[in-house]
Amino acid sequence: MSSEEIYTISLRELEKAKIIYDRASDSLHIIIDEGEADKALLLENNIVVRIKGSRIIEIEIQDIGKMVQE
């Protein structure tokens, strides 16, 4: 049995996603679904994925200005 966890994004929900740039924290938020996340995962390159159940509800890219400049 694999310990790998699988999370999904609904394409219908992705069509309605809100994209917000927060200048104060230099972060880009892709909000797929409102609500409280059950957990958050920090991925490489300062990307945070917030999860509710088995669904991804938000993707946050931190320090996006630095990433764009590189």
Protein backbone atom coordinates (compact mmCIF):
# COMPACT_ATOMS: atom_id res chain seq x y z
CA MET A 1 0.00 0.00 0.00
CA SER A 2 1.35 3.40 -0.99
CA SER A 3 1.55 6.28 1.49
CA GLU A 4 1.16 8.75 -1.39
CA GLU A 5 -1.73 11.18 -1.02
CA ILE A 6 -3.67 12.37 -4.06
CA TYR A 7 -5.55 15.68 -4.20
CA THR A 8 -7.79 16.96 -6.99
CA ILE A 9 -8.91 20.23 -8.54
CA SER A 10 -12.31 20.40 -10.18
CA LEU A 11 -12.00 22.03 -13.61
CA ARG A 12 -15.48 23.53 -13.15
CA GLU A 13 -14.37 25.15 -9.92
CA LEU A 14 -11.11 26.29 -11.51
CA GLU A 15 -13.09 28.24 -14.12
CA LYS A 16 -14.57 30.31 -11.27
CA ALA A 17 -11.30 30.77 -9.36
CA LYS A 18 -10.37 34.17 -7.96
CA ILE A 19 -6.84 35.38 -8.49
CA ILE A 20 -5.60 37.96 -5.99
CA TYR A 21 -2.19 39.60 -5.77
CA ASP A 22 -1.25 40.78 -2.28
CA ARG A 23 1.36 43.49 -2.72
CA ALA A 24 2.16 43.70 1.02
CA SER A 25 3.24 40.05 1.19
CA ASP A 26 4.21 39.76 -2.51
CA SER A 27 2.04 36.69 -2.87
CA LEU A 28 -0.39 35.49 -5.51
CA HIS A 29 -3.48 33.63 -4.30
CA ILE A 30 -5.50 31.39 -6.59
CA ILE A 31 -8.70 30.76 -4.62
CA ILE A 32 -10.58 27.81 -6.06
CA ASP A 33 -13.12 27.38 -3.26
CA GLU A 34 -13.91 29.41 -0.15
CA GLY A 35 -13.75 27.82 3.23
CA GLU A 36 -11.40 26.66 5.93
CA ALA A 37 -8.63 24.33 4.82
CA ASP A 38 -8.02 21.08 6.68
CA LYS A 39 -4.31 21.32 6.01
CA ALA A 40 -1.67 23.22 4.08
CA LEU A 41 1.34 21.82 2.27
CA LEU A 42 4.49 23.83 1.58
CA LEU A 43 5.94 22.80 -1.77
CA GLU A 44 9.17 23.84 -3.46
CA ASN A 45 9.65 27.47 -4.51
CA ASN A 46 7.47 28.83 -1.69
CA ILE A 47 4.22 27.44 -3.04
CA VAL A 48 1.54 26.68 -0.46
CA VAL A 49 -1.37 24.40 -1.34
CA ARG A 50 -4.40 24.48 0.96
CA ILE A 51 -6.53 21.33 1.05
CA LYS A 52 -10.04 20.57 2.26
CA GLY A 53 -10.86 16.87 2.28
CA SER A 54 -9.22 15.57 -0.89
CA ARG A 55 -9.66 18.81 -2.85
CA ILE A 56 -7.23 21.66 -3.40
CA ILE A 57 -9.04 24.86 -2.48
CA GLU A 58 -6.22 27.42 -2.74
CA ILE A 59 -2.77 27.80 -4.20
CA GLU A 60 -0.54 30.55 -2.83
CA ILE A 61 2.72 31.53 -4.51
CA GLN A 62 4.87 33.48 -2.06
CA ASP A 63 7.57 35.95 -3.12
CA ILE A 64 6.16 35.95 -6.64
CA GLY A 65 8.02 39.15 -7.57
CA LYS A 66 11.36 37.40 -7.03
CA MET A 67 10.22 34.43 -9.11
CA VAL A 68 9.16 36.63 -12.03
CA GLN A 69 12.49 38.51 -11.99
CA GLU A 70 14.53 35.29 -12.23
